[in-house]
Amino acid sequence: MGKSKTSDGVSSGLEGTARFQSCVQDQFDNLEKHTQWGIDVLEKYIKFVKERTEIELSYAKQLRNLSKKYQPKKNSKEEEEYRYTSTRAFLATLNEMNDYAGQHEVISENMTSLITGELTRYVQELKQERKSHFHDGRKAQQHIETCWKQLEASKRRFERDCKEADRAQQYFEKMDADINVTKADVEKARQQAQLRHQMAEDSKAEYSSTLQKFNSEQHDHYYTHIPNIFQKIQEMEERRIVRIGESMKTFAEVDRQVIPIIGKCLDEITKAAESIDHKNDSQLVIEAFKSGFEPPGDIDFEDFTQPMKRTISESSLSNSRGDGKSEPKFGGKSKGKLWPFIKKNKPPPPPPASASPSAVPNGPQSPKQQKEPLSHRFNEFMTSKPKIHCFRSLKRGLSLKLGAGPEDFSNLPPEQRRKKLQQKVDELNKDIQKEMDQRDALTKMKDVYIKNPQMGDAASVDHRLAELGQNIEKLRIEVQKFEGWLAEVEGRLPPRTEQARRQSGLYEAQNTSAVNSCAQDRESPDGSYTEEQSQETEMKVPATDFDDEFDDEEPLPTIGTCKALYTFEGQNEGTISVAEGEMLYVIEEDKGDGWTRIRRNEDEEGYVPTSYVEVYLDKNAKGAMTYI
């Protein structure tokens, strides 16, 4: 009975150990699942950061493209627009946005290197460590299971031996009580019972030893090996948690590090916005489009009733007109003189510089040197202003049709012309400086070659030096030419001559053709005037006693000066001869017939072709007006 109790107690202890072992095994599996979940979380966070870096890069690229899209293109009209404070502020905003995009690129780079790269390497290490720990756990688990199987086998053998010993003892007792059994059979049964009891004792000793060993192994397993493994897994898991927390801090720090620079970019944008000066921009617009022309004066009242009164009156002037046919002619003449350029004849070429302009067979006819009637002078006075306006308009129209403006920018208003000329002078000075720098460098190189012939031939740079010298001289001539025009615009020198302006071939194509067209617009191919001119001649009435009253009138006042561009031989009556370059006084402007009345002195005055002189009208002269 004692053996049965011992066997039952051992069996119950082994059953409890098995339950505990199964419980730990279940937790081991749970820990394995949990640690794998932790690695999955870490990989998910790595993927999140990686996508964030891609977003930052894409955002930075889009910002850079946006900034580049609105940047002013080089050598384009947009660069001129950035003179204004508002557009300069916008340009500063574009530049700051470019820097702003750079900070997002920094965010992407730092997150990639400090978070994504580091965590990817850590995940690989973590997987290896986790694999090692669970391998040790499985190995310990297999060892304790092996010990458990040995214990189970020892227990079953001890139990079997005990049962065999009990059966042998019972058989011996039965044989010993039976009187019919021989003594030899009893002895044999007794020896068998003793053998079984010895085997049971040996099994018991073996089982006891195996049990002690198992208990020791089990104690070490559950109190040493498994706790150590669990401790390592715990430390691994805690390191993972700490690492992901540090990565999240780094995630925030990467953003926080660029916040001051981004803030500085935003401050610069604010500063640029605050620098906008509406007054300054308005002044720039005024300076850019200021023409420099004086406002026109008041328009005189034109009394069209005077010719009617003269026609009805019984004065000598009306008698000299005959049967009154001049009245409708006056109306037709006025209409014709208001629009003198309606007929678009092909303008003749300008007179050559070598040949004398007076040799041109189709030149304008010389007017008669006689006093004109007061009515005819009044008629010309009434129609002179529209002619000038039409001439200026035609001249501007020709310039626009021919394409680019003249070299001296004479097609521009004074103020804008001054700016263009100053810009041209600055550009030429820069070109001169570049050429001089190249010449100085080549001169030094030549000196080195002279001192060290083995380095090169000094004569090899002479051709280039001569070429640079010629370029510098040409550029200096250009600078002097443009500085002369600039001085003329600024009022520091008298206006330039027609000969200087004709240095530009484009000017010859634009202005000279327009002037000749104006002077000879109404000439026929054979040099005679058209019907319109004939009508004007017919309107002139013979001088009467009424006109003789004006013979002793005071000479006409000068309204400006002029300079002869070519030599003119005044062979016809009413003309005056002039020499090229001669300065004379203007007393009567061109009325549209191609002639200008000039005076050399008190005794010499007459008409010259308008295209042969350059006229400078005085602004304060009576009747002189400036037209845009």
Foldseek 3Di string as FASTA:
>chain_A
DVVVVVLVVVVVVLVVLVVVLVVVVVVLVVLLVVLVVLLVVLVVVLVVLLVLLVVLLVVLVVLLVVLVVPDDDPPDPVVVVCVALVNVLVNLLSVLSNVVSVLSNLLSVLLCVVPNVVSVVVSVVLVVLSVVLSVLLVVLSVVLVVLSVVLVVLSVQLVVLVVQLVVLVVVLVVLVPDPVHDPVVSVVSVVSSVVSVVSNVVSVVVSVVSVVVSVVSSCCSVPPRVVVSVVSSVVSSVVSVVSVVVSVVSSVVSVVVCVVVNVVSVVSSVVSVVSRDPVVNVVVVCLQQPQPFDDWDDDDDDDPCVVVVVCPDPDVVNVLVPPPPCVVLLVVLLVCLLCVQPQPDQFDAFDDPPDFPQPDQQAFDFDAPDFFDPVLVSSLLVRQVSLVQVLVVVLLVLQVVVPDHFPQPPSGRLSNSLVVLVVVLVVLVVVLVVLVVVLVVLVVVLVVCVVPVVVHDSVVCPVVNVVSVVVNVVSVVVSVLSVVSSCCSVVVDPDDFPVSSVVTVVCSSRPLSSLSCLQCVQADPSNHGDPSVVSSVVSTGDDDPVSVVCPPPDDADFFFKKFFCGWHDPPDHQADTDHHGDMWTFRACDSRNQWTWTARDPVDIGIDGPSRMGTDGDPPGPPDTDDD
